[in-house]
Amino acid sequence: MTATALLGIDLGAGSLKATVIAAANGAVLGIGAHPVHTQMPQTGWSEQDPFQWYEALCSAVKNALLESKLESSTIKGIAISAGAHIPVLLDKDSNVIRPAIMWNDQRSAEQAKALYDKHGELILEKSLNKVNPTWSLAMLRWLQEHEPENVARVHRLCMAKDYLRMRLTGEWATDFGDVIGALMGDVNTRDWSQEICKLIDWPINTLPPVKKVTERGGATSENTARDTGLTKGTPVMVGSIDTSVELLGAGVVESGKASIKLATAGVLSLVAAKPVLQAPISCYPHLPDGRYYLASGTNSCASAHQWARDQFFTPESIAKSETPADAFNEMDRLAATIDPGSDGLLFHPYLQGERAPYWDPDLRADFIGLTIQHTRAHLARAVYEGIAFSIRDLISDATDKGLEISGARLIGGGARSETWSQIMADVTGLALEIPTQGDASFGSALVAGIGIGEFVDTDEAIKRCVKIERVVKPNVKTTAIYNDMYSIYRDAQQALTPINHRLAKLYSSSI
C-alpha cells in the first residue's frame, strides 16, 4: 500500500491532465485526462469556457483515482497549474462574466502597442517583460475599450489555475508567477504593481492576494468531494504557472540549467540566479526563492512533425501503417536510415511564421536542396534536423546575450523518439538528460508534497522523485557536420526572409 499519495493537476491548451504519484519515490500511480475546447469566434481570437475547465478537472481526477486504485483519503495534498496570462473575470456572485481570453489571442495588438509606446520601460522594469498581446495587461485594456459593461461587473479577477483552485476550495489567491504573467507585477515588492494597474485604471482591489506557490490555498469542499471523488478537507496548494512546475518536475532548478521542450512549440527555458531583462524573451520567477527563468520558443516543433506525418507519412501512403502512431514510428525508422545532414537537404520549420529569435510572422517553411536522389526518408530526417536547428537558434540567441547553459534536460513528447533525441544532442552539442517524468501535472504533484511538508524543499522533492531515464550524448563527428549545416541554415534563413515577406504580402488574403 502507498502511505502517502499526491495529486497534480495541469490545465493545458487542449486538455486537462491529473496525475497521482507516490510521495515516497515519485512513481506515477494513476493518470487521467479530459479535452478542453478552444473557441475562435473571430480571426485572431482564442477563448475558452472556464466552466468546461472544471468539468474537465472532475473527469480527469476521477479517472486518475480510478487508475491508481487508491482510496481518495490516500491523497494528502493537491496542487494545480495552468498556462500563464489567462484572466477569468468574476461578478459579485463568483459567476464567470465572459469566456477567458487565451494566451495566444491576438486581438489586443493595438492596445499592446499603445502601452509599449507610452509606458514600455516602466512595465519592463517593474514586471520584467515587454508588452504584447500575450500578456493579460493588454487583454484587460482591450476589454475596457470594447466591453465596458463586462468590466463594470468585475468583482474579482482570477488567473486560470486560481479559478480552478477557487472552485475546489472557495479560496481566492494567486502566486507571483501569475502576477508577472499578467504583466501587472512589481519585482521589488513581489506583489501587484499599483503603478502598472493605474496605467489602465484597473481597480487593484479586484486582484487576488499573493501567496507562495507551496502555501496552502484552501481545502477541498463538500461539493468538490462529490464532483471529483476526492476526500473533503484535502489541502490544496496555491500552485503556479505550467512552465515553472514543469521545470520542477524535470529537476531543472539550478542557475544555468536548461530544459528543451519538444512539444507543439519548441521551448527553451533557462534558470537564472536573478531577474534578467532580455525582452522579448520572457522572464518569470521560479519556484526556489530568488531564482528566475527565461523562456523563449519557436512556433512549430511537434506541430511541424505532425504536419509532415499528415502530408507524407499517412496510413494511406504507407501500406503497413494503420494508425497515426504507426506513421510516426515509420518516420522515425526512415529518418534513422539517412546519414546526418540528409544529403544536403534542409528544412526551415516556419509553418506558422516564427517567434524567437526572429519574431517574424511572415516567415515561410521550406525544403532547400532537393535533388532527384532525395527520398521520403530524407524528408523525414530533414524535418527532425530542421526543428533541431530552430531550437539551436534559441540557444545561440541566449548565449549571444551572455547567458550560459551548464546542462540541459530534454522533455516533451518528442523526447520519446530516440532518433530525434540523438539529433537534438548532435545539433546542439549538449549532453541531454531525459527524465522519466517531466510534465506540469507531475511537477504540480511535487508542489503539493512540499506544501504538506512531505518534502522539505524543491531539492528534496527532486532527489526523491525525479529520475533520469537516459542521457543522450552528442557524437563529435556528427556535431561537426551539423555545425556546417547550421551555418547554411542560418544564411538561407536570412537570404529568404525578403522573399518570404513578398510571398506573405502577395498571398496573405488567401491563407
Protein backbone atom coordinates (compact mmCIF):
# COMPACT_ATOMS: atom_id res chain seq x y z
CA MET A 1 0.00 0.00 0.00
CA THR A 2 1.05 3.59 -0.67
CA ALA A 3 1.35 5.54 2.59
CA THR A 4 1.04 8.98 1.01
CA ALA A 5 -0.07 9.94 -2.47
CA LEU A 6 -0.08 13.38 -4.11
CA LEU A 7 -2.27 14.79 -6.87
CA GLY A 8 -1.02 17.20 -9.51
CA ILE A 9 -3.41 18.86 -11.97
CA ASP A 10 -2.44 20.84 -15.07
CA LEU A 11 -4.74 22.75 -17.41
CA GLY A 12 -3.20 22.70 -20.87
CA ALA A 13 -4.34 24.42 -24.04
CA GLY A 14 -6.04 21.29 -25.38
CA SER A 15 -6.67 19.10 -22.34
CA LEU A 16 -6.56 18.93 -18.56
CA LYS A 17 -4.37 16.23 -17.01
CA ALA A 18 -4.38 14.82 -13.48
CA THR A 19 -1.53 12.69 -12.14
CA VAL A 20 -1.39 10.73 -8.88
CA ILE A 21 2.10 9.92 -7.60
CA ALA A 22 3.60 8.12 -4.64
CA ALA A 23 5.30 10.62 -2.33
CA ALA A 24 7.93 8.07 -1.36
CA ASN A 25 9.60 7.89 -4.77
CA GLY A 26 7.57 9.82 -7.35
CA ALA A 27 6.17 6.70 -9.01
CA VAL A 28 3.15 7.53 -11.15
CA LEU A 29 0.13 5.62 -9.85
CA GLY A 30 -2.68 7.00 -11.95
CA ILE A 31 -3.30 9.41 -14.83
CA GLY A 32 -6.49 10.96 -16.13
CA ALA A 33 -7.06 13.46 -18.92
CA HIS A 34 -10.00 15.28 -20.47
CA PRO A 35 -10.09 17.56 -23.52
CA VAL A 36 -10.89 21.27 -23.36
CA HIS A 37 -12.27 23.21 -26.31
CA THR A 38 -10.97 26.48 -27.73
CA GLN A 39 -13.46 28.86 -29.33
CA MET A 40 -12.31 31.14 -32.17
CA PRO A 41 -15.25 33.49 -32.77
CA GLN A 42 -13.17 35.83 -34.93
CA THR A 43 -9.83 35.70 -36.74
CA GLY A 44 -7.03 36.07 -34.20
CA TRP A 45 -9.32 35.41 -31.22
CA SER A 46 -8.89 32.45 -28.86
CA GLU A 47 -11.19 31.82 -25.88
CA GLN A 48 -12.17 29.01 -23.52
CA ASP A 49 -15.07 28.47 -21.14
CA PRO A 50 -13.79 28.18 -17.54
CA PHE A 51 -16.81 26.10 -16.59
CA GLN A 52 -15.58 23.46 -19.07
CA TRP A 53 -12.23 23.52 -17.29
CA TYR A 54 -13.93 22.46 -14.08
CA GLU A 55 -15.87 19.71 -15.87
CA ALA A 56 -12.57 18.50 -17.34
CA LEU A 57 -10.95 18.57 -13.90
CA CYS A 58 -13.73 16.46 -12.37
CA SER A 59 -13.48 13.89 -15.15
CA ALA A 60 -9.66 13.72 -15.17
CA VAL A 61 -9.37 13.44 -11.39
CA LYS A 62 -11.97 10.64 -11.23
CA ASN A 63 -10.10 8.72 -13.92
CA ALA A 64 -6.71 9.23 -12.25
CA LEU A 65 -8.11 7.96 -8.95
CA LEU A 66 -9.73 5.00 -10.70
CA GLU A 67 -6.47 4.03 -12.41
CA SER A 68 -4.49 4.41 -9.18
CA LYS A 69 -6.84 2.02 -7.34
CA LEU A 70 -6.34 4.16 -4.23
CA GLU A 71 -8.82 5.37 -1.67
CA SER A 72 -9.21 9.13 -2.08
CA SER A 73 -8.13 9.60 1.55
CA THR A 74 -4.64 8.48 0.47
CA ILE A 75 -4.29 11.76 -1.42
CA LYS A 76 -2.71 14.07 1.17
CA GLY A 77 -2.08 17.14 -0.99
CA ILE A 78 -3.14 18.72 -4.28
CA ALA A 79 -1.71 21.47 -6.49
CA ILE A 80 -2.87 22.93 -9.79
CA SER A 81 -1.02 24.61 -12.63
CA ALA A 82 -2.15 26.21 -15.88
CA GLY A 83 -0.86 28.42 -18.64
CA ALA A 84 0.04 31.99 -17.73
CA HIS A 85 -1.67 35.17 -18.95
CA ILE A 86 -5.25 33.78 -18.87
CA PRO A 87 -7.58 36.06 -16.86
CA VAL A 88 -11.00 34.95 -15.64
CA LEU A 89 -13.47 37.70 -14.71
CA LEU A 90 -15.98 37.02 -11.92
CA ASP A 91 -19.01 39.01 -10.76
CA LYS A 92 -20.07 39.60 -7.15
CA ASP A 93 -21.64 36.13 -7.03
CA SER A 94 -18.43 34.49 -8.37
CA ASN A 95 -20.06 33.75 -11.72
CA VAL A 96 -17.87 33.90 -14.83
CA ILE A 97 -18.69 37.06 -16.77
CA ARG A 98 -17.27 36.08 -20.16
CA PRO A 99 -15.06 33.38 -21.73
CA ALA A 100 -11.39 33.51 -20.74
CA ILE A 101 -9.07 35.11 -23.31
CA MET A 102 -6.22 32.70 -24.01
CA TRP A 103 -2.50 33.46 -24.16
CA ASN A 104 -2.38 33.03 -27.96
CA ASP A 105 -5.20 35.52 -28.62
CA GLN A 106 -4.05 38.45 -30.77
CA ARG A 107 -6.98 40.88 -30.52
CA SER A 108 -5.18 43.34 -28.23
CA ALA A 109 -2.29 44.16 -30.59
CA GLU A 110 -3.32 47.81 -30.83
CA GLN A 111 -3.63 48.17 -27.05
CA ALA A 112 -0.28 46.43 -26.52
CA LYS A 113 1.46 48.80 -28.92
CA ALA A 114 -0.03 51.85 -27.23
CA LEU A 115 1.02 50.62 -23.78
CA TYR A 116 4.52 49.83 -25.04
CA ASP A 117 4.93 53.19 -26.77
CA LYS A 118 3.84 55.17 -23.70
CA HIS A 119 4.96 53.03 -20.77
CA GLY A 120 7.18 50.24 -22.13
CA GLU A 121 10.23 51.00 -19.98
CA LEU A 122 8.24 51.24 -16.74
CA ILE A 123 6.44 47.96 -17.41
CA LEU A 124 9.69 46.19 -18.31
CA GLU A 125 11.40 47.48 -15.16
CA LYS A 126 8.54 46.51 -12.86
CA SER A 127 7.21 43.34 -14.46
CA LEU A 128 10.28 42.10 -16.38
CA ASN A 129 8.67 41.71 -19.80
CA LYS A 130 7.72 43.58 -22.95
CA VAL A 131 4.07 44.32 -23.64
CA ASN A 132 2.47 42.24 -26.38
CA PRO A 133 -0.97 40.66 -26.88
CA THR A 134 0.08 37.51 -24.99
CA TRP A 135 0.06 39.30 -21.64
CA SER A 136 -3.11 39.95 -19.60
CA LEU A 137 -2.45 43.68 -19.24
CA ALA A 138 -3.16 44.33 -22.92
CA MET A 139 -6.16 41.96 -22.86
CA LEU A 140 -7.72 43.86 -19.96
CA ARG A 141 -7.16 47.15 -21.76
CA TRP A 142 -8.97 45.74 -24.80
CA LEU A 143 -11.88 44.67 -22.62
CA GLN A 144 -12.11 48.15 -21.11
CA GLU A 145 -12.38 49.67 -24.58
CA HIS A 146 -14.66 47.08 -26.20
CA GLU A 147 -16.68 45.51 -23.37
CA PRO A 148 -17.00 48.20 -20.68
CA GLU A 149 -20.27 46.69 -19.49
CA ASN A 150 -18.48 43.44 -18.61
CA VAL A 151 -15.57 45.22 -16.95
CA ALA A 152 -18.02 47.21 -14.81
CA ARG A 153 -19.33 43.92 -13.39
CA VAL A 154 -15.90 42.62 -12.32
CA HIS A 155 -15.75 41.92 -8.60
CA ARG A 156 -12.79 39.54 -8.70
CA LEU A 157 -10.15 38.57 -11.26
CA CYS A 158 -8.65 35.08 -11.20
CA MET A 159 -5.89 33.60 -13.31
CA ALA A 160 -6.70 30.22 -14.85
CA LYS A 161 -5.24 27.88 -12.22
CA ASP A 162 -6.60 30.10 -9.45
CA TYR A 163 -10.12 29.83 -10.82
CA LEU A 164 -9.91 26.04 -10.64
CA ARG A 165 -8.47 26.11 -7.14
CA MET A 166 -11.24 28.51 -6.11
CA ARG A 167 -13.79 26.04 -7.47
CA LEU A 168 -12.19 23.31 -5.34
CA THR A 169 -11.76 25.29 -2.14
CA GLY A 170 -13.65 28.59 -2.27
CA GLU A 171 -10.36 30.43 -1.52
CA TRP A 172 -9.21 33.38 -3.68
CA ALA A 173 -5.45 33.84 -4.12
CA THR A 174 -2.60 33.67 -6.62
CA ASP A 175 1.19 33.33 -6.78
CA PHE A 176 3.78 35.82 -8.01
CA GLY A 177 4.40 33.80 -11.17
CA ASP A 178 0.86 34.52 -12.34
CA VAL A 179 1.21 38.16 -11.26
CA ILE A 180 4.21 38.51 -13.57
CA GLY A 181 2.30 36.52 -16.20
CA ALA A 182 -0.41 39.15 -16.08
CA LEU A 183 2.33 41.79 -16.64
CA MET A 184 0.96 43.68 -13.64
CA GLY A 185 3.58 42.83 -11.00
CA ASP A 186 6.39 44.62 -9.17
CA VAL A 187 9.53 42.51 -8.98
CA ASN A 188 10.76 44.52 -5.97
CA THR A 189 7.69 44.01 -3.77
CA ARG A 190 6.71 40.64 -5.30
CA ASP A 191 3.12 41.86 -5.40
CA TRP A 192 0.73 43.62 -7.75
CA SER A 193 2.10 46.92 -9.06
CA GLN A 194 -0.01 49.94 -8.18
CA GLU A 195 1.75 51.91 -10.92
CA ILE A 196 1.01 49.43 -13.68
CA CYS A 197 -2.60 48.98 -12.60
CA LYS A 198 -3.05 52.76 -12.77
CA LEU A 199 -1.83 52.76 -16.38
CA ILE A 200 -5.13 51.12 -17.37
CA ASP A 201 -7.15 52.28 -14.33
CA TRP A 202 -7.68 48.70 -13.21
CA PRO A 203 -9.01 48.51 -9.60
CA ILE A 204 -6.36 46.77 -7.54
CA ASN A 205 -8.99 45.55 -5.06
CA THR A 206 -10.25 43.16 -7.76
CA LEU A 207 -6.87 41.36 -7.82
CA PRO A 208 -6.26 38.34 -5.56
CA PRO A 209 -3.88 38.24 -2.57
CA VAL A 210 -0.40 36.96 -3.49
CA LYS A 211 0.88 33.87 -1.65
CA LYS A 212 3.78 31.46 -2.00
CA VAL A 213 3.45 28.66 -4.52
CA THR A 214 3.65 25.95 -1.86
CA GLU A 215 1.41 27.73 0.65
CA ARG A 216 -1.97 26.20 1.37
CA GLY A 217 -4.70 27.83 -0.66
CA GLY A 218 -7.64 26.13 1.00
CA ALA A 219 -9.02 22.60 1.18
CA THR A 220 -11.45 20.60 -0.91
CA SER A 221 -15.09 21.37 -0.14
CA GLU A 222 -18.00 19.03 0.26
CA ASN A 223 -19.25 19.90 -3.24
CA THR A 224 -15.79 19.27 -4.65
CA ALA A 225 -15.66 15.86 -2.99
CA ARG A 226 -18.96 14.95 -4.59
CA ASP A 227 -17.92 16.21 -8.04
CA THR A 228 -14.42 14.70 -8.16
CA GLY A 229 -14.34 11.72 -5.80
CA LEU A 230 -11.74 13.43 -3.62
CA THR A 231 -11.95 13.48 0.17
CA LYS A 232 -13.36 16.61 1.76
CA GLY A 233 -10.71 18.71 3.51
CA THR A 234 -7.73 17.65 1.38
CA PRO A 235 -5.20 20.55 1.33
CA VAL A 236 -4.81 22.37 -2.00
CA MET A 237 -1.66 24.44 -2.54
CA VAL A 238 -1.62 27.82 -4.29
CA GLY A 239 0.32 26.35 -7.22
CA SER A 240 1.92 28.17 -10.13
CA ILE A 241 2.10 28.53 -13.90
CA ASP A 242 2.73 25.45 -16.01
CA THR A 243 6.33 26.11 -17.08
CA SER A 244 7.50 26.72 -13.51
CA VAL A 245 6.16 23.42 -12.19
CA GLU A 246 7.19 21.62 -15.36
CA LEU A 247 10.78 22.68 -14.71
CA LEU A 248 10.45 21.39 -11.15
CA GLY A 249 9.10 18.07 -12.44
CA ALA A 250 12.12 17.79 -14.75
CA GLY A 251 14.52 18.72 -11.93
CA VAL A 252 15.62 21.98 -13.58
CA VAL A 253 16.01 24.44 -10.70
CA GLU A 254 19.70 25.39 -10.55
CA SER A 255 21.10 28.52 -12.16
CA GLY A 256 22.49 27.78 -15.62
CA LYS A 257 20.39 24.63 -16.07
CA ALA A 258 18.03 24.49 -19.03
CA SER A 259 15.16 22.46 -20.38
CA ILE A 260 14.42 21.93 -24.06
CA LYS A 261 10.80 21.00 -24.67
CA LEU A 262 9.76 19.25 -27.86
CA ALA A 263 6.02 19.81 -27.84
CA THR A 264 3.57 21.64 -30.13
CA ALA A 265 6.02 24.54 -29.90
CA GLY A 266 9.71 24.19 -29.11
CA VAL A 267 10.63 25.88 -25.84
CA LEU A 268 13.98 26.69 -24.24
CA SER A 269 13.84 27.56 -20.54
CA LEU A 270 16.98 28.65 -18.68
CA VAL A 271 17.26 29.15 -14.91
CA ALA A 272 18.94 32.32 -13.66
CA ALA A 273 20.02 33.47 -10.19
CA LYS A 274 18.32 36.85 -10.63
CA PRO A 275 15.88 38.62 -12.97
CA VAL A 276 17.32 39.05 -16.45
CA LEU A 277 15.75 41.62 -18.77
CA GLN A 278 16.17 40.31 -22.29
CA ALA A 279 12.86 41.27 -23.91
CA PRO A 280 11.19 39.89 -25.91
CA ILE A 281 12.49 36.71 -24.19
CA SER A 282 10.14 36.14 -21.25
CA CYS A 283 11.34 36.20 -17.64
CA TYR A 284 9.41 34.61 -14.76
CA PRO A 285 10.04 33.89 -11.07
CA HIS A 286 10.98 30.25 -10.44
CA LEU A 287 9.84 28.09 -7.52
CA PRO A 288 13.08 28.19 -5.49
CA ASP A 289 13.20 31.54 -3.70
CA GLY A 290 15.23 34.17 -5.52
CA ARG A 291 15.59 32.26 -8.77
CA TYR A 292 14.08 33.12 -12.14
CA TYR A 293 13.96 31.54 -15.55
CA LEU A 294 13.98 32.82 -19.10
CA ALA A 295 11.71 31.23 -21.67
CA SER A 296 11.80 31.54 -25.44
CA GLY A 297 10.04 29.46 -28.02
CA THR A 298 9.58 28.52 -31.64
CA ASN A 299 6.16 28.32 -33.24
CA SER A 300 6.41 24.91 -34.93
CA CYS A 301 8.02 21.89 -33.29
CA ALA A 302 5.85 18.81 -32.82
CA SER A 303 3.24 20.65 -34.90
CA ALA A 304 5.72 20.64 -37.84
CA HIS A 305 6.41 16.96 -37.14
CA GLN A 306 2.69 16.22 -37.27
CA TRP A 307 2.29 18.27 -40.45
CA ALA A 308 4.97 16.17 -42.13
CA ARG A 309 3.31 12.98 -40.91
CA ASP A 310 -0.08 14.04 -42.26
CA GLN A 311 1.27 15.12 -45.63
CA PHE A 312 3.89 12.47 -46.36
CA PHE A 313 3.53 9.57 -43.91
CA THR A 314 -0.20 8.95 -43.56
CA PRO A 315 -1.51 5.37 -43.27
CA GLU A 316 -2.80 5.73 -46.83
CA SER A 317 0.72 6.36 -48.11
CA ILE A 318 2.35 3.59 -46.05
CA ALA A 319 0.60 0.29 -46.60
CA LYS A 320 1.72 -1.34 -43.35
CA SER A 321 0.68 1.63 -41.19
CA GLU A 322 -2.76 1.60 -39.65
CA THR A 323 -2.71 4.47 -37.15
CA PRO A 324 -1.09 7.92 -36.77
CA ALA A 325 1.28 6.37 -34.22
CA ASP A 326 2.39 3.88 -36.86
CA ALA A 327 3.11 6.77 -39.20
CA PHE A 328 5.24 8.48 -36.54
CA ASN A 329 7.13 5.25 -35.96
CA GLU A 330 7.71 4.87 -39.68
CA MET A 331 9.06 8.44 -39.84
CA ASP A 332 11.46 7.56 -37.03
CA ARG A 333 12.56 4.36 -38.75
CA LEU A 334 13.11 6.06 -42.10
CA ALA A 335 14.91 9.07 -40.61
CA ALA A 336 17.33 6.75 -38.81
CA THR A 337 18.37 5.20 -42.15
CA ILE A 338 19.69 8.53 -43.52
CA ASP A 339 23.12 9.98 -42.73
CA PRO A 340 23.35 13.25 -40.75
CA GLY A 341 22.77 16.24 -43.00
CA SER A 342 20.15 14.45 -45.12
CA ASP A 343 22.49 14.54 -48.12
CA GLY A 344 22.27 18.32 -48.32
CA LEU A 345 18.53 18.71 -47.71
CA LEU A 346 17.48 21.49 -45.31
CA PHE A 347 14.08 22.25 -43.76
CA HIS A 348 13.04 25.56 -42.17
CA PRO A 349 10.01 24.78 -39.94
CA TYR A 350 8.29 28.17 -40.23
CA LEU A 351 4.84 26.78 -40.95
CA GLN A 352 3.24 29.44 -38.72
CA GLY A 353 5.82 32.18 -39.05
CA GLU A 354 8.36 32.26 -36.25
CA ARG A 355 8.72 33.60 -32.74
CA ALA A 356 12.18 33.59 -31.15
CA PRO A 357 14.67 34.62 -32.24
CA TYR A 358 13.21 36.29 -35.36
CA TRP A 359 9.74 37.40 -34.20
CA ASP A 360 8.55 37.39 -37.78
CA PRO A 361 5.01 36.15 -38.59
CA ASP A 362 5.73 36.32 -42.34
CA LEU A 363 8.50 33.71 -42.48
CA ARG A 364 7.58 30.62 -44.52
CA ALA A 365 8.63 26.99 -44.21
CA ASP A 366 10.69 25.39 -46.96
CA PHE A 367 12.78 22.45 -48.10
CA ILE A 368 16.07 23.59 -49.68
CA GLY A 369 18.49 21.45 -51.65
CA LEU A 370 16.10 18.85 -53.04
CA THR A 371 17.51 16.62 -55.78
CA ILE A 372 16.17 13.63 -57.63
CA GLN A 373 18.18 11.37 -55.31
CA HIS A 374 16.24 12.50 -52.22
CA THR A 375 13.58 10.17 -50.86
CA ARG A 376 10.79 10.33 -48.33
CA ALA A 377 13.29 9.09 -45.74
CA HIS A 378 15.42 12.18 -46.45
CA LEU A 379 12.36 14.37 -45.90
CA ALA A 380 11.72 12.70 -42.55
CA ARG A 381 15.27 13.27 -41.31
CA ALA A 382 15.36 16.83 -42.67
CA VAL A 383 12.23 17.66 -40.67
CA TYR A 384 13.84 16.40 -37.45
CA GLU A 385 17.05 18.28 -38.24
CA GLY A 386 15.28 21.50 -39.21
CA ILE A 387 13.34 21.60 -35.95
CA ALA A 388 16.59 20.92 -34.08
CA PHE A 389 18.25 23.81 -35.93
CA SER A 390 15.37 26.09 -34.88
CA ILE A 391 16.00 25.08 -31.23
CA ARG A 392 19.70 25.76 -31.73
CA ASP A 393 18.67 29.25 -32.89
CA LEU A 394 17.14 29.75 -29.42
CA ILE A 395 20.32 28.53 -27.73
CA SER A 396 22.54 30.73 -29.92
CA ASP A 397 20.36 33.74 -29.17
CA ALA A 398 20.67 33.09 -25.43
CA THR A 399 24.45 32.64 -25.50
CA ASP A 400 24.84 35.70 -27.75
CA LYS A 401 23.13 37.67 -24.97
CA GLY A 402 25.75 36.46 -22.47
CA LEU A 403 23.67 33.71 -20.88
CA GLU A 404 25.36 30.41 -20.03
CA ILE A 405 23.95 26.89 -20.22
CA SER A 406 25.70 24.43 -17.90
CA GLY A 407 23.41 21.48 -18.59
CA ALA A 408 20.11 20.62 -20.26
CA ARG A 409 17.22 18.21 -19.95
CA LEU A 410 15.01 17.18 -22.85
CA ILE A 411 11.27 16.96 -22.19
CA GLY A 412 8.04 16.82 -24.16
CA GLY A 413 6.59 14.19 -26.46
CA GLY A 414 9.48 14.42 -28.91
CA ALA A 415 11.92 13.26 -26.23
CA ARG A 416 10.45 9.75 -26.53
CA SER A 417 11.95 9.38 -30.00
CA GLU A 418 15.49 8.02 -29.84
CA THR A 419 16.22 9.31 -33.35
CA TRP A 420 15.00 12.83 -32.64
CA SER A 421 16.71 12.91 -29.22
CA GLN A 422 20.06 11.97 -30.77
CA ILE A 423 19.65 14.58 -33.49
CA MET A 424 18.91 17.19 -30.81
CA ALA A 425 22.08 16.28 -28.91
CA ASP A 426 24.20 16.28 -32.08
CA VAL A 427 22.80 19.60 -33.39
CA THR A 428 23.10 21.45 -30.05
CA GLY A 429 26.32 19.77 -28.93
CA LEU A 430 24.75 19.25 -25.49
CA ALA A 431 24.50 16.06 -23.45
CA LEU A 432 20.75 15.84 -22.91
CA GLU A 433 19.31 14.21 -19.81
CA ILE A 434 15.83 12.81 -20.32
CA PRO A 435 13.76 12.49 -17.13
CA THR A 436 11.28 9.67 -16.70
CA GLN A 437 8.58 12.25 -15.98
CA GLY A 438 8.66 15.93 -16.77
CA ASP A 439 5.23 17.36 -17.38
CA ALA A 440 3.41 20.03 -15.41
CA SER A 441 0.94 17.71 -13.67
CA PHE A 442 3.85 15.71 -12.24
CA GLY A 443 5.55 18.94 -11.16
CA SER A 444 2.35 20.12 -9.52
CA ALA A 445 2.22 16.89 -7.50
CA LEU A 446 5.71 17.74 -6.20
CA VAL A 447 4.44 21.22 -5.25
CA ALA A 448 1.67 19.53 -3.28
CA GLY A 449 4.27 17.39 -1.47
CA ILE A 450 6.33 20.44 -0.48
CA GLY A 451 3.20 22.21 0.69
CA ILE A 452 2.15 19.45 3.10
CA GLY A 453 5.71 19.03 4.39
CA GLU A 454 6.33 15.66 2.76
CA PHE A 455 9.40 17.27 1.15
CA VAL A 456 11.45 19.91 2.95
CA ASP A 457 12.05 21.87 -0.25
CA THR A 458 12.42 21.58 -4.01
CA ASP A 459 15.80 19.89 -3.67
CA GLU A 460 14.39 17.04 -1.58
CA ALA A 461 11.41 16.66 -3.90
CA ILE A 462 13.76 16.31 -6.87
CA LYS A 463 16.13 13.96 -5.05
CA ARG A 464 13.33 11.58 -4.11
CA CYS A 465 11.09 11.74 -7.15
CA VAL A 466 12.88 12.91 -10.30
CA LYS A 467 14.58 10.09 -12.17
CA ILE A 468 16.74 10.30 -15.30
CA GLU A 469 15.67 7.71 -17.85
CA ARG A 470 18.68 8.10 -20.12
CA VAL A 471 21.40 10.53 -21.21
CA VAL A 472 21.90 11.25 -24.90
CA LYS A 473 25.45 12.39 -25.65
CA PRO A 474 26.44 14.20 -28.85
CA ASN A 475 28.63 12.47 -31.40
CA VAL A 476 31.60 14.76 -32.06
CA LYS A 477 31.86 13.92 -35.76
CA THR A 478 28.14 14.37 -36.32
CA THR A 479 28.13 17.67 -34.45
CA ALA A 480 30.86 18.92 -36.80
CA ILE A 481 28.65 18.06 -39.79
CA TYR A 482 25.71 19.84 -38.19
CA ASN A 483 27.81 22.92 -37.45
CA ASP A 484 28.36 23.32 -41.20
CA MET A 485 24.71 22.64 -41.98
CA TYR A 486 23.55 25.08 -39.31
CA SER A 487 25.67 27.82 -40.85
CA ILE A 488 23.95 27.23 -44.19
CA TYR A 489 20.57 27.03 -42.42
CA ARG A 490 21.14 30.49 -40.92
CA ASP A 491 22.42 32.00 -44.17
CA ALA A 492 19.44 30.60 -46.06
CA GLN A 493 17.03 31.97 -43.45
CA GLN A 494 18.44 35.46 -43.88
CA ALA A 495 18.58 35.27 -47.68
CA LEU A 496 15.00 34.01 -47.96
CA THR A 497 13.44 36.47 -45.50
CA PRO A 498 12.69 39.19 -48.11
CA ILE A 499 11.29 36.55 -50.46
CA ASN A 500 9.09 35.19 -47.65
CA HIS A 501 7.83 38.71 -46.98
CA ARG A 502 6.95 39.20 -50.63
CA LEU A 503 5.09 35.89 -50.70
CA ALA A 504 3.24 36.72 -47.48
CA LYS A 505 2.20 40.11 -48.85
CA LEU A 506 1.04 38.61 -52.14
CA TYR A 507 -0.92 35.69 -50.69
CA SER A 508 -1.85 36.76 -47.14
CA SER A 509 -5.50 37.25 -48.08
CA SER A 510 -5.78 33.69 -49.39
CA ILE A 511 -4.44 31.82 -46.34
